[in-house]
């Protein structure tokens, strides 16, 4: 291989510097560019094909929830729904229904349904807790909340495995034709990355082979 001239070395250094600068700026922009702010817009309610109701959206930064907010929690959404009970067919008031088939137990008459014109309001508040998790509080001015369930769906997925090790090969060549080949292994500790590198260098000027070892330590960002 021909020796690089002084001018060639300068061109290679300038090209490497320009490439490194562009790459560094691109990575920095990708890591630290400001995230696009999602602005909630008003939307009307929409009835879906399964009978469920996509609730109307009405942004209001000053809306207060109906429930007490735990210390340190952040109110993310205030939601309320109005439920119209389905009509039932109760037996005559104060009378017992026929025995349940296969037993001697006499069923009590079902509670009369509410008039169809009335509805039950349920207030819900989505909270972001200090540790980043979410909780939901519920209350109703028309009754007492006796139970319910908050089921995180997306957050219930198993967390991806954190990769802490990296390893690979090292290859380099100097302007004098010396070649270095070796291996490295890195390990991440929180915000610190440490590593070890071992290379075998073949020198062309003195016809000699040497081994080099390096220890690396850096800050993750």
N, C-alpha and C. Protein backbone atom coordinates (compact mmCIF):
# COMPACT_ATOMS: atom_id res chain seq x y z
N UNK A 1 0.85 -1.20 0.00
CA UNK A 1 0.00 0.00 0.00
C UNK A 1 0.88 1.25 0.00
N UNK A 2 0.53 2.21 -0.85
CA UNK A 2 1.32 3.43 -0.93
C UNK A 2 1.16 4.26 0.33
N UNK A 3 2.25 4.95 0.68
CA UNK A 3 2.20 5.84 1.83
C UNK A 3 1.33 7.05 1.51
N UNK A 4 0.52 7.49 2.51
CA UNK A 4 -0.28 8.69 2.32
C UNK A 4 0.61 9.92 2.36
N UNK A 5 0.37 10.86 1.46
CA UNK A 5 1.14 12.10 1.44
C UNK A 5 0.63 13.03 2.54
N UNK A 6 1.40 14.09 2.81
CA UNK A 6 0.98 15.05 3.82
C UNK A 6 -0.35 15.69 3.48
N UNK A 7 -0.56 16.01 2.20
CA UNK A 7 -1.83 16.61 1.77
C UNK A 7 -2.97 15.62 1.95
N UNK A 8 -2.68 14.35 1.62
CA UNK A 8 -3.72 13.34 1.79
C UNK A 8 -4.13 13.17 3.23
N UNK A 9 -3.15 13.25 4.13
CA UNK A 9 -3.45 13.15 5.55
C UNK A 9 -4.33 14.30 5.99
N UNK A 10 -4.03 15.50 5.51
CA UNK A 10 -4.84 16.67 5.87
C UNK A 10 -6.27 16.53 5.37
N UNK A 11 -6.41 16.05 4.14
CA UNK A 11 -7.76 15.86 3.59
C UNK A 11 -8.53 14.82 4.40
N UNK A 12 -7.84 13.73 4.76
CA UNK A 12 -8.50 12.69 5.55
C UNK A 12 -8.92 13.20 6.92
N UNK A 13 -8.08 14.03 7.55
CA UNK A 13 -8.41 14.57 8.86
C UNK A 13 -9.59 15.52 8.77
N UNK A 14 -9.60 16.39 7.73
CA UNK A 14 -10.71 17.32 7.56
C UNK A 14 -12.01 16.57 7.31
N UNK A 15 -11.95 15.52 6.46
CA UNK A 15 -13.15 14.74 6.17
C UNK A 15 -13.65 14.03 7.42
N UNK A 16 -12.72 13.49 8.22
CA UNK A 16 -13.11 12.81 9.45
C UNK A 16 -13.74 13.78 10.44
N UNK A 17 -13.14 14.99 10.55
CA UNK A 17 -13.69 16.00 11.45
C UNK A 17 -15.08 16.44 11.03
N UNK A 18 -15.26 16.65 9.72
CA UNK A 18 -16.58 17.07 9.22
C UNK A 18 -17.61 15.98 9.45
N UNK A 19 -17.23 14.72 9.17
CA UNK A 19 -18.16 13.62 9.38
C UNK A 19 -18.53 13.46 10.85
N UNK A 20 -17.52 13.56 11.74
CA UNK A 20 -17.78 13.45 13.16
C UNK A 20 -18.67 14.57 13.67
N UNK A 21 -18.44 15.80 13.16
CA UNK A 21 -19.26 16.93 13.59
C UNK A 21 -20.71 16.75 13.17
N UNK A 22 -20.92 16.34 11.92
CA UNK A 22 -22.29 16.15 11.43
C UNK A 22 -22.97 15.03 12.20
N UNK A 23 -22.23 13.92 12.43
CA UNK A 23 -22.81 12.81 13.16
C UNK A 23 -23.15 13.21 14.60
N UNK A 24 -22.23 13.95 15.24
CA UNK A 24 -22.48 14.38 16.61
C UNK A 24 -23.68 15.30 16.72
N UNK A 25 -23.79 16.25 15.80
CA UNK A 25 -24.93 17.16 15.81
C UNK A 25 -26.23 16.42 15.56
N UNK A 26 -26.19 15.43 14.65
CA UNK A 26 -27.41 14.67 14.35
C UNK A 26 -27.86 13.86 15.56
N UNK A 27 -26.90 13.20 16.23
CA UNK A 27 -27.25 12.42 17.41
C UNK A 27 -27.74 13.34 18.52
N UNK A 28 -27.07 14.48 18.72
CA UNK A 28 -27.50 15.42 19.75
C UNK A 28 -28.90 15.95 19.50
N UNK A 29 -29.20 16.25 18.23
CA UNK A 29 -30.55 16.76 17.91
C UNK A 29 -31.59 15.68 18.17
N UNK A 30 -31.27 14.44 17.84
CA UNK A 30 -32.22 13.35 18.06
C UNK A 30 -32.47 13.11 19.54
N UNK A 31 -31.43 13.26 20.36
CA UNK A 31 -31.56 13.00 21.78
C UNK A 31 -32.22 14.15 22.54
N UNK A 32 -31.88 15.37 22.18
CA UNK A 32 -32.30 16.51 23.00
C UNK A 32 -33.26 17.48 22.33
N UNK A 33 -33.71 17.19 21.13
CA UNK A 33 -34.64 18.12 20.51
C UNK A 33 -35.94 18.15 21.31
N UNK A 34 -36.60 19.29 21.39
CA UNK A 34 -37.84 19.39 22.16
C UNK A 34 -38.94 18.54 21.55
N UNK A 35 -39.66 17.84 22.42
CA UNK A 35 -40.75 17.00 21.94
C UNK A 35 -41.95 17.87 21.55
N UNK A 36 -42.64 17.41 20.51
CA UNK A 36 -43.82 18.15 20.05
C UNK A 36 -44.89 18.13 21.14
N UNK A 37 -45.45 19.30 21.43
CA UNK A 37 -46.48 19.42 22.47
C UNK A 37 -47.84 19.02 21.89
N UNK A 38 -48.48 18.07 22.54
CA UNK A 38 -49.80 17.62 22.12
C UNK A 38 -50.84 18.52 22.77
N UNK A 39 -51.60 19.23 21.96
CA UNK A 39 -52.63 20.14 22.46
C UNK A 39 -53.99 19.48 22.24
N UNK A 40 -54.70 19.24 23.34
CA UNK A 40 -56.02 18.62 23.24
C UNK A 40 -57.01 19.58 22.57
N UNK A 41 -57.82 19.03 21.69
CA UNK A 41 -58.84 19.80 21.00
C UNK A 41 -60.23 19.29 21.41
N UNK A 42 -61.23 20.17 21.30
CA UNK A 42 -62.60 19.78 21.62
C UNK A 42 -63.15 18.84 20.55
N UNK A 43 -63.88 17.83 20.99
CA UNK A 43 -64.49 16.86 20.08
C UNK A 43 -65.89 16.53 20.58
N UNK A 44 -66.85 16.34 19.69
CA UNK A 44 -68.19 15.94 20.12
C UNK A 44 -68.24 14.46 20.47
N UNK A 45 -69.26 14.07 21.21
CA UNK A 45 -69.45 12.66 21.54
C UNK A 45 -69.87 11.91 20.28
N UNK A 46 -69.56 10.61 20.27
CA UNK A 46 -69.90 9.78 19.11
C UNK A 46 -70.30 8.40 19.60
N UNK A 47 -71.47 7.94 19.16
CA UNK A 47 -71.94 6.60 19.51
C UNK A 47 -71.29 5.58 18.58
N UNK A 48 -70.71 4.52 19.15
CA UNK A 48 -70.02 3.51 18.37
C UNK A 48 -70.95 2.35 18.04
N UNK A 49 -70.49 1.50 17.13
CA UNK A 49 -71.35 0.42 16.63
C UNK A 49 -71.72 -0.59 17.72
N UNK A 50 -70.89 -0.73 18.76
CA UNK A 50 -71.20 -1.68 19.83
C UNK A 50 -72.07 -1.08 20.93
N UNK A 51 -72.53 0.14 20.73
CA UNK A 51 -73.37 0.81 21.71
C UNK A 51 -72.61 1.66 22.70
N UNK A 52 -71.29 1.55 22.74
CA UNK A 52 -70.51 2.38 23.65
C UNK A 52 -70.46 3.81 23.14
N UNK A 53 -70.14 4.70 24.04
CA UNK A 53 -70.12 6.13 23.71
C UNK A 53 -68.69 6.66 23.81
N UNK A 54 -68.17 7.17 22.72
CA UNK A 54 -66.89 7.88 22.76
C UNK A 54 -67.18 9.26 23.34
N UNK A 55 -66.67 9.51 24.53
CA UNK A 55 -67.04 10.71 25.26
C UNK A 55 -66.61 11.97 24.56
N UNK A 56 -67.41 13.01 24.72
CA UNK A 56 -67.04 14.32 24.20
C UNK A 56 -65.81 14.84 24.95
N UNK A 57 -65.01 15.63 24.28
CA UNK A 57 -63.81 16.22 24.87
C UNK A 57 -64.01 17.73 24.95
N UNK A 58 -63.79 18.28 26.14
CA UNK A 58 -63.91 19.72 26.35
C UNK A 58 -62.75 20.19 27.21
N UNK A 59 -61.62 20.58 26.61
CA UNK A 59 -60.45 20.98 27.40
C UNK A 59 -60.75 22.15 28.33
N UNK A 60 -60.25 22.03 29.56
CA UNK A 60 -60.44 23.10 30.55
C UNK A 60 -59.35 22.95 31.60
N UNK A 61 -58.35 23.82 31.55
CA UNK A 61 -57.22 23.72 32.46
C UNK A 61 -57.60 24.02 33.91
N UNK A 62 -58.75 24.64 34.13
CA UNK A 62 -59.17 25.02 35.48
C UNK A 62 -60.21 24.08 36.07
N UNK A 63 -60.50 22.97 35.39
CA UNK A 63 -61.52 22.04 35.88
C UNK A 63 -61.04 21.37 37.17
N UNK A 64 -61.88 21.37 38.18
CA UNK A 64 -61.56 20.73 39.45
C UNK A 64 -62.23 19.36 39.52
N UNK A 65 -61.53 18.33 40.00
CA UNK A 65 -62.15 17.01 40.13
C UNK A 65 -63.15 16.97 41.26
N UNK A 66 -64.04 15.98 41.21
CA UNK A 66 -65.06 15.84 42.24
C UNK A 66 -64.50 15.18 43.49
N UNK A 67 -63.31 14.56 43.42
CA UNK A 67 -62.76 13.83 44.54
C UNK A 67 -61.53 14.57 45.09
N UNK A 68 -61.13 14.16 46.28
CA UNK A 68 -59.91 14.69 46.89
C UNK A 68 -58.70 14.18 46.11
N UNK A 69 -57.74 15.04 45.88
CA UNK A 69 -56.53 14.67 45.15
C UNK A 69 -55.44 14.29 46.15
N UNK A 70 -54.89 13.07 46.06
CA UNK A 70 -53.83 12.67 47.00
C UNK A 70 -52.62 13.59 46.90
N UNK A 71 -51.89 13.71 47.99
CA UNK A 71 -50.72 14.57 48.03
C UNK A 71 -49.68 14.13 46.98
N UNK A 72 -49.22 15.06 46.20
CA UNK A 72 -48.21 14.79 45.19
C UNK A 72 -48.75 14.31 43.87
N UNK A 73 -50.04 13.98 43.79
CA UNK A 73 -50.62 13.49 42.54
C UNK A 73 -50.95 14.66 41.61
N UNK A 74 -50.95 14.39 40.32
CA UNK A 74 -51.27 15.39 39.29
C UNK A 74 -52.53 14.94 38.57
N UNK A 75 -53.49 15.82 38.49
CA UNK A 75 -54.74 15.51 37.78
C UNK A 75 -54.49 15.60 36.27
N UNK A 76 -54.68 14.48 35.58
CA UNK A 76 -54.47 14.46 34.13
C UNK A 76 -55.79 14.62 33.37
N UNK A 77 -56.83 13.93 33.81
CA UNK A 77 -58.12 14.04 33.13
C UNK A 77 -59.23 13.96 34.18
N UNK A 78 -60.27 14.73 33.96
CA UNK A 78 -61.47 14.67 34.77
C UNK A 78 -62.59 14.16 33.88
N UNK A 79 -63.19 13.05 34.27
CA UNK A 79 -64.18 12.37 33.42
C UNK A 79 -65.45 12.14 34.23
N UNK A 80 -66.59 12.28 33.60
CA UNK A 80 -67.83 11.82 34.23
C UNK A 80 -68.71 11.19 33.16
N UNK A 81 -69.47 10.20 33.59
CA UNK A 81 -70.41 9.53 32.71
C UNK A 81 -71.77 9.50 33.40
N UNK A 82 -72.81 9.48 32.61
CA UNK A 82 -74.17 9.34 33.11
C UNK A 82 -74.74 8.04 32.59
N UNK A 83 -75.22 7.21 33.52
CA UNK A 83 -75.70 5.87 33.17
C UNK A 83 -77.21 5.81 33.36
N UNK A 84 -77.89 5.33 32.34
CA UNK A 84 -79.33 5.10 32.42
C UNK A 84 -79.55 3.62 32.65
N UNK A 85 -80.08 3.22 33.81
CA UNK A 85 -80.24 1.79 34.09
C UNK A 85 -81.17 1.12 33.09
N UNK A 86 -80.88 -0.15 32.79
CA UNK A 86 -81.77 -0.91 31.95
C UNK A 86 -83.04 -1.26 32.72
N UNK A 87 -84.20 -1.24 32.09
CA UNK A 87 -85.44 -1.60 32.79
C UNK A 87 -85.45 -3.07 33.17
N UNK A 88 -86.04 -3.39 34.31
CA UNK A 88 -86.18 -4.77 34.75
C UNK A 88 -87.65 -5.07 34.96
N UNK A 89 -87.96 -6.32 35.27
CA UNK A 89 -89.35 -6.74 35.47
C UNK A 89 -89.51 -7.30 36.88
N UNK A 90 -89.57 -6.42 37.87
CA UNK A 90 -89.70 -6.91 39.25
C UNK A 90 -91.07 -7.54 39.49
N UNK A 91 -91.10 -8.43 40.45
CA UNK A 91 -92.38 -9.01 40.83
C UNK A 91 -93.20 -8.02 41.63
N UNK A 92 -94.38 -8.36 42.02
CA UNK A 92 -95.21 -7.46 42.82
C UNK A 92 -94.48 -7.07 44.10
N UNK A 93 -94.58 -5.80 44.46
CA UNK A 93 -93.86 -5.29 45.62
C UNK A 93 -94.26 -6.05 46.88
N UNK A 94 -93.24 -6.52 47.63
CA UNK A 94 -93.48 -7.18 48.90
C UNK A 94 -93.81 -8.64 48.78
N UNK A 95 -93.79 -9.21 47.57
CA UNK A 95 -94.11 -10.63 47.41
C UNK A 95 -92.87 -11.39 47.00
N UNK A 96 -92.86 -12.67 47.28
CA UNK A 96 -91.74 -13.52 46.93
C UNK A 96 -91.96 -14.14 45.57
N UNK A 97 -90.88 -14.33 44.87
CA UNK A 97 -90.94 -15.00 43.58
C UNK A 97 -90.93 -16.51 43.79
N UNK A 98 -91.26 -17.28 42.77
CA UNK A 98 -91.26 -18.74 42.91
C UNK A 98 -89.88 -19.24 43.33
N UNK A 99 -89.83 -20.42 43.99
CA UNK A 99 -88.54 -20.97 44.43
C UNK A 99 -87.60 -21.17 43.25
N UNK A 100 -86.30 -21.06 43.54
CA UNK A 100 -85.29 -21.31 42.52
C UNK A 100 -85.31 -22.78 42.17
N UNK A 101 -85.40 -23.14 40.88
CA UNK A 101 -85.47 -24.56 40.50
C UNK A 101 -84.33 -25.36 41.10
N UNK A 102 -84.66 -26.56 41.65
CA UNK A 102 -83.65 -27.44 42.20
C UNK A 102 -83.27 -27.13 43.63
N UNK A 103 -83.94 -26.19 44.27
CA UNK A 103 -83.62 -25.85 45.65
C UNK A 103 -84.87 -25.43 46.36
N UNK A 104 -84.76 -25.32 47.68
CA UNK A 104 -85.89 -24.84 48.50
C UNK A 104 -85.77 -23.36 48.83
N UNK A 105 -84.82 -22.67 48.17
CA UNK A 105 -84.58 -21.26 48.45
C UNK A 105 -85.57 -20.43 47.65
N UNK A 106 -86.23 -19.54 48.34
CA UNK A 106 -87.17 -18.65 47.69
C UNK A 106 -86.45 -17.35 47.35
N UNK A 107 -86.45 -16.98 46.09
CA UNK A 107 -85.75 -15.78 45.66
C UNK A 107 -86.49 -14.54 46.10
N UNK A 108 -85.75 -13.54 46.54
CA UNK A 108 -86.35 -12.26 46.89
C UNK A 108 -86.71 -11.50 45.63
N UNK A 109 -87.73 -10.69 45.69
CA UNK A 109 -88.09 -9.91 44.49
C UNK A 109 -86.98 -8.92 44.17
N UNK A 110 -86.67 -8.76 42.91
CA UNK A 110 -85.62 -7.81 42.54
C UNK A 110 -86.02 -6.38 42.88
N UNK A 111 -85.00 -5.55 43.06
CA UNK A 111 -85.26 -4.15 43.36
C UNK A 111 -85.92 -3.49 42.15
N UNK A 112 -86.89 -2.63 42.40
CA UNK A 112 -87.50 -1.93 41.26
C UNK A 112 -86.45 -1.08 40.55
N UNK A 113 -86.56 -1.01 39.24
CA UNK A 113 -85.63 -0.19 38.48
C UNK A 113 -85.98 1.28 38.63
N UNK A 114 -84.98 2.12 38.42
CA UNK A 114 -85.23 3.55 38.45
C UNK A 114 -86.07 3.96 37.25
N UNK A 115 -86.81 5.03 37.38
CA UNK A 115 -87.56 5.50 36.21
C UNK A 115 -86.62 5.71 35.03
N UNK A 116 -87.03 5.31 33.82
CA UNK A 116 -86.14 5.41 32.66
C UNK A 116 -85.62 6.82 32.41
N UNK A 117 -86.35 7.84 32.89
CA UNK A 117 -85.93 9.21 32.61
C UNK A 117 -84.75 9.64 33.46
N UNK A 118 -84.45 8.89 34.55
CA UNK A 118 -83.37 9.29 35.43
C UNK A 118 -82.08 8.58 35.04
N UNK A 119 -80.97 9.18 35.40
CA UNK A 119 -79.67 8.58 35.15
C UNK A 119 -78.80 8.71 36.39
N UNK A 120 -77.76 7.91 36.46
CA UNK A 120 -76.81 7.95 37.57
C UNK A 120 -75.50 8.52 37.05
N UNK A 121 -75.03 9.55 37.71
CA UNK A 121 -73.77 10.18 37.30
C UNK A 121 -72.61 9.57 38.09
N UNK A 122 -71.53 9.26 37.36
CA UNK A 122 -70.31 8.73 37.96
C UNK A 122 -69.15 9.64 37.56
N UNK A 123 -68.44 10.16 38.55
CA UNK A 123 -67.30 11.04 38.31
C UNK A 123 -66.01 10.23 38.42
N UNK A 124 -65.13 10.36 37.44
CA UNK A 124 -63.85 9.66 37.41
C UNK A 124 -62.73 10.69 37.25
N UNK A 125 -61.61 10.46 37.90
CA UNK A 125 -60.44 11.33 37.77
C UNK A 125 -59.21 10.47 37.56
N UNK A 126 -58.48 10.76 36.48
CA UNK A 126 -57.22 10.06 36.20
C UNK A 126 -56.09 10.85 36.83
N UNK A 127 -55.31 10.18 37.69
CA UNK A 127 -54.23 10.83 38.44
C UNK A 127 -52.89 10.25 38.02
N UNK A 128 -51.89 11.12 37.94
CA UNK A 128 -50.50 10.68 37.78
C UNK A 128 -49.82 10.81 39.13
N UNK A 129 -49.37 9.68 39.67
CA UNK A 129 -48.81 9.66 41.00
C UNK A 129 -47.34 10.11 40.97
N UNK A 130 -46.78 10.44 42.15
CA UNK A 130 -45.39 10.92 42.19
C UNK A 130 -44.38 9.95 41.59
N UNK A 131 -44.66 8.63 41.63
CA UNK A 131 -43.71 7.67 41.07
C UNK A 131 -43.92 7.43 39.58
N UNK A 132 -44.85 8.19 38.96
CA UNK A 132 -45.09 8.06 37.53
C UNK A 132 -46.22 7.11 37.17
N UNK A 133 -46.71 6.32 38.12
CA UNK A 133 -47.83 5.43 37.85
C UNK A 133 -49.14 6.22 37.81
N UNK A 134 -50.21 5.55 37.43
CA UNK A 134 -51.51 6.21 37.32
C UNK A 134 -52.53 5.52 38.22
N UNK A 135 -53.45 6.30 38.76
CA UNK A 135 -54.57 5.78 39.53
C UNK A 135 -55.82 6.51 39.10
N UNK A 136 -56.97 5.90 39.41
CA UNK A 136 -58.27 6.48 39.07
C UNK A 136 -59.10 6.56 40.34
N UNK A 137 -59.71 7.70 40.60
CA UNK A 137 -60.65 7.84 41.70
C UNK A 137 -62.05 7.98 41.12
N UNK A 138 -63.04 7.47 41.83
CA UNK A 138 -64.42 7.49 41.36
C UNK A 138 -65.35 7.89 42.48
N UNK A 139 -66.38 8.64 42.15
CA UNK A 139 -67.41 9.03 43.11
C UNK A 139 -68.69 9.29 42.33
N UNK A 140 -69.80 9.43 43.05
CA UNK A 140 -71.09 9.69 42.41
C UNK A 140 -71.95 10.52 43.34
N UNK A 141 -72.52 11.61 42.83
CA UNK A 141 -73.44 12.39 43.67
C UNK A 141 -74.78 11.69 43.85
N UNK A 142 -75.01 10.61 43.11
CA UNK A 142 -76.29 9.90 43.18
C UNK A 142 -76.23 8.60 43.96
N UNK A 143 -75.06 8.29 44.56
CA UNK A 143 -74.96 7.05 45.30
C UNK A 143 -73.54 6.84 45.80
N UNK A 144 -73.27 5.65 46.30
CA UNK A 144 -71.97 5.29 46.85
C UNK A 144 -71.28 4.30 45.93
N UNK A 145 -70.04 4.58 45.57
CA UNK A 145 -69.27 3.65 44.75
C UNK A 145 -68.89 2.45 45.61
N UNK A 146 -69.34 1.29 45.22
CA UNK A 146 -69.11 0.07 46.01
C UNK A 146 -67.97 -0.77 45.48
N UNK A 147 -67.47 -0.50 44.31
CA UNK A 147 -66.38 -1.30 43.76
C UNK A 147 -66.03 -0.83 42.37
N UNK A 148 -65.04 -1.44 41.81
CA UNK A 148 -64.60 -1.09 40.46
C UNK A 148 -63.21 -1.66 40.23
N UNK A 149 -62.68 -1.40 39.09
CA UNK A 149 -61.37 -1.94 38.74
C UNK A 149 -60.68 -1.00 37.75
N UNK A 150 -59.42 -0.71 38.03
CA UNK A 150 -58.57 0.06 37.12
C UNK A 150 -57.58 -0.93 36.51
N UNK A 151 -57.67 -1.18 35.23
CA UNK A 151 -56.85 -2.20 34.57
C UNK A 151 -55.92 -1.54 33.56
N UNK A 152 -54.66 -1.29 33.91
CA UNK A 152 -53.71 -0.77 32.91
C UNK A 152 -53.46 -1.85 31.86
N UNK A 153 -53.68 -1.52 30.61
CA UNK A 153 -53.49 -2.48 29.52
C UNK A 153 -52.09 -2.37 28.92
N UNK A 154 -51.76 -1.19 28.42
CA UNK A 154 -50.45 -1.02 27.78
C UNK A 154 -49.31 -1.17 28.79
N UNK A 155 -49.49 -0.57 29.98
CA UNK A 155 -48.44 -0.61 30.99
C UNK A 155 -48.27 -2.00 31.58
N UNK A 156 -49.21 -2.93 31.32
CA UNK A 156 -49.09 -4.27 31.86
C UNK A 156 -48.14 -5.14 31.06
N UNK A 157 -47.68 -4.66 29.91
CA UNK A 157 -46.74 -5.43 29.12
C UNK A 157 -45.41 -5.56 29.88
N UNK A 158 -44.75 -6.71 29.77
CA UNK A 158 -43.47 -6.87 30.48
C UNK A 158 -42.44 -5.88 29.98
N UNK A 159 -41.67 -5.33 30.92
CA UNK A 159 -40.65 -4.35 30.55
C UNK A 159 -39.57 -5.01 29.70
N UNK A 160 -39.08 -4.32 28.69
CA UNK A 160 -38.01 -4.91 27.86
C UNK A 160 -36.75 -5.13 28.68
N UNK A 161 -36.02 -6.16 28.31
CA UNK A 161 -34.78 -6.49 29.01
C UNK A 161 -33.76 -5.38 28.79
N UNK A 162 -33.14 -4.96 29.87
CA UNK A 162 -32.12 -3.91 29.79
C UNK A 162 -30.79 -4.55 29.41
N UNK A 163 -30.22 -4.12 28.29
CA UNK A 163 -28.95 -4.64 27.83
C UNK A 163 -27.82 -3.82 28.46
N UNK A 164 -26.95 -4.49 29.21
CA UNK A 164 -25.89 -3.79 29.93
C UNK A 164 -24.51 -4.06 29.36
N UNK A 165 -24.37 -5.10 28.53
CA UNK A 165 -23.06 -5.45 27.98
C UNK A 165 -23.02 -5.18 26.48
N UNK A 166 -21.83 -4.89 26.00
CA UNK A 166 -21.58 -4.75 24.57
C UNK A 166 -20.18 -5.28 24.27
N UNK A 167 -20.05 -5.99 23.17
CA UNK A 167 -18.75 -6.54 22.81
C UNK A 167 -18.60 -6.57 21.30
N UNK A 168 -17.37 -6.60 20.84
CA UNK A 168 -17.15 -6.62 19.41
C UNK A 168 -15.67 -6.63 19.07
N UNK A 169 -15.40 -6.33 17.81
CA UNK A 169 -14.03 -6.36 17.30
C UNK A 169 -13.54 -4.94 17.07
N UNK A 170 -12.23 -4.80 17.09
CA UNK A 170 -11.56 -3.51 16.86
C UNK A 170 -10.59 -3.68 15.70
N UNK A 171 -10.62 -2.72 14.79
CA UNK A 171 -9.67 -2.74 13.68
C UNK A 171 -9.21 -1.32 13.41
N UNK A 172 -7.93 -1.17 13.19
CA UNK A 172 -7.40 0.16 12.89
C UNK A 172 -6.15 0.07 12.05
N UNK A 173 -5.85 1.16 11.36
CA UNK A 173 -4.66 1.21 10.52
C UNK A 173 -4.09 2.62 10.57
N UNK A 174 -2.79 2.71 10.82
CA UNK A 174 -2.14 4.01 10.89
C UNK A 174 -1.72 4.46 9.50
N UNK A 175 -1.27 5.71 9.42
CA UNK A 175 -0.80 6.26 8.14
C UNK A 175 0.49 5.60 7.69
N UNK A 176 1.16 4.89 8.57
CA UNK A 176 2.40 4.21 8.22
C UNK A 176 2.18 2.75 7.82
N UNK A 177 0.90 2.33 7.83
CA UNK A 177 0.60 0.97 7.43
C UNK A 177 0.51 -0.01 8.58
N UNK A 178 0.70 0.43 9.82
CA UNK A 178 0.56 -0.46 10.97
C UNK A 178 -0.91 -0.85 11.14
N UNK A 179 -1.16 -2.11 11.41
CA UNK A 179 -2.52 -2.61 11.54
C UNK A 179 -2.74 -3.13 12.96
N UNK A 180 -3.94 -2.83 13.48
CA UNK A 180 -4.32 -3.28 14.82
C UNK A 180 -5.64 -4.03 14.73
N UNK A 181 -5.69 -5.20 15.32
CA UNK A 181 -6.90 -6.02 15.36
C UNK A 181 -7.08 -6.52 16.79
N UNK A 182 -8.29 -6.42 17.28
CA UNK A 182 -8.52 -6.87 18.65
C UNK A 182 -9.99 -6.99 18.98
N UNK A 183 -10.30 -7.04 20.27
CA UNK A 183 -11.66 -7.18 20.76
C UNK A 183 -11.87 -6.25 21.95
N UNK A 184 -13.15 -5.95 22.23
CA UNK A 184 -13.48 -5.11 23.38
C UNK A 184 -14.75 -5.64 24.02
N UNK A 185 -14.94 -5.28 25.29
CA UNK A 185 -16.17 -5.55 26.01
C UNK A 185 -16.47 -4.36 26.91
N UNK A 186 -17.73 -3.89 26.87
CA UNK A 186 -18.16 -2.75 27.66
C UNK A 186 -19.27 -3.18 28.60
N UNK A 187 -19.41 -2.45 29.71
CA UNK A 187 -20.45 -2.71 30.69
C UNK A 187 -20.99 -1.39 31.21
N UNK A 188 -22.33 -1.29 31.26
CA UNK A 188 -22.97 -0.08 31.74
C UNK A 188 -23.31 -0.21 33.22
N UNK A 189 -22.97 0.84 33.98
CA UNK A 189 -23.31 0.94 35.39
C UNK A 189 -24.04 2.27 35.58
N UNK A 190 -25.39 2.21 35.62
CA UNK A 190 -26.17 3.44 35.74
C UNK A 190 -25.79 4.39 34.61
N UNK A 191 -25.19 5.56 34.95
CA UNK A 191 -24.83 6.54 33.92
C UNK A 191 -23.38 6.40 33.49
N UNK A 192 -22.66 5.38 33.97
CA UNK A 192 -21.24 5.18 33.64
C UNK A 192 -21.11 3.97 32.71
N UNK A 193 -20.24 4.08 31.72
CA UNK A 193 -19.90 2.97 30.84
C UNK A 193 -18.40 2.70 30.95
N UNK A 194 -18.04 1.47 31.30
CA UNK A 194 -16.65 1.06 31.44
C UNK A 194 -16.37 -0.08 30.47
N UNK A 195 -15.13 -0.18 30.03
CA UNK A 195 -14.80 -1.22 29.08
C UNK A 195 -13.32 -1.55 29.06
N UNK A 196 -13.02 -2.69 28.44
CA UNK A 196 -11.65 -3.16 28.28
C UNK A 196 -11.44 -3.50 26.81
N UNK A 197 -10.28 -3.11 26.29
CA UNK A 197 -9.96 -3.35 24.88
C UNK A 197 -8.56 -3.94 24.77
N UNK A 198 -8.44 -5.00 23.98
CA UNK A 198 -7.15 -5.65 23.74
C UNK A 198 -6.94 -5.75 22.24
N UNK A 199 -5.78 -5.27 21.75
CA UNK A 199 -5.49 -5.29 20.32
C UNK A 199 -4.10 -5.87 20.05
N UNK A 200 -3.99 -6.47 18.90
CA UNK A 200 -2.71 -6.98 18.41
C UNK A 200 -2.28 -6.10 17.24
N UNK A 201 -1.13 -5.48 17.37
CA UNK A 201 -0.65 -4.53 16.38
C UNK A 201 0.52 -5.11 15.60
N UNK A 202 0.43 -5.02 14.28
CA UNK A 202 1.53 -5.46 13.41
C UNK A 202 2.19 -4.20 12.83
N UNK A 203 3.44 -3.98 13.19
CA UNK A 203 4.16 -2.80 12.74
C UNK A 203 4.90 -3.12 11.43
N UNK A 204 4.83 -2.22 10.49
CA UNK A 204 5.47 -2.44 9.18
C UNK A 204 6.90 -1.89 9.16
N UNK A 205 7.16 -0.86 9.93
CA UNK A 205 8.48 -0.21 9.86
C UNK A 205 9.56 -1.00 10.58
N UNK A 206 9.16 -1.69 11.65
CA UNK A 206 10.17 -2.42 12.43
C UNK A 206 9.91 -3.93 12.41
N UNK A 207 8.92 -4.35 11.58
CA UNK A 207 8.62 -5.77 11.47
C UNK A 207 8.46 -6.43 12.84
N UNK A 208 7.51 -5.91 13.58
CA UNK A 208 7.31 -6.37 14.94
C UNK A 208 5.82 -6.47 15.24
N UNK A 209 5.47 -7.39 16.10
CA UNK A 209 4.09 -7.55 16.55
C UNK A 209 4.01 -7.24 18.04
N UNK A 210 3.04 -6.41 18.40
CA UNK A 210 2.89 -6.05 19.81
C UNK A 210 1.43 -6.14 20.25
N UNK A 211 1.24 -6.29 21.54
CA UNK A 211 -0.09 -6.36 22.12
C UNK A 211 -0.33 -5.11 22.96
N UNK A 212 -1.52 -4.56 22.82
CA UNK A 212 -1.90 -3.36 23.58
C UNK A 212 -3.18 -3.64 24.35
N UNK A 213 -3.24 -3.08 25.55
CA UNK A 213 -4.45 -3.17 26.37
C UNK A 213 -4.88 -1.80 26.82
N UNK A 214 -6.20 -1.56 26.79
CA UNK A 214 -6.73 -0.23 27.18
C UNK A 214 -7.95 -0.43 28.08
N UNK A 215 -8.11 0.50 29.00
CA UNK A 215 -9.29 0.55 29.86
C UNK A 215 -10.05 1.81 29.52
N UNK A 216 -11.36 1.68 29.34
CA UNK A 216 -12.20 2.82 28.96
C UNK A 216 -13.21 3.11 30.05
N UNK A 217 -13.54 4.38 30.23
CA UNK A 217 -14.60 4.78 31.14
C UNK A 217 -15.21 6.06 30.59
N UNK A 218 -16.51 6.13 30.62
CA UNK A 218 -17.20 7.30 30.07
C UNK A 218 -18.54 7.50 30.73
N UNK A 219 -19.18 8.58 30.33
CA UNK A 219 -20.50 8.95 30.87
C UNK A 219 -21.56 8.71 29.79
N UNK A 220 -22.62 8.00 30.13
CA UNK A 220 -23.72 7.78 29.20
C UNK A 220 -24.62 9.01 29.13
N UNK A 221 -25.07 9.32 27.92
CA UNK A 221 -25.99 10.47 27.76
C UNK A 221 -26.84 10.26 26.54
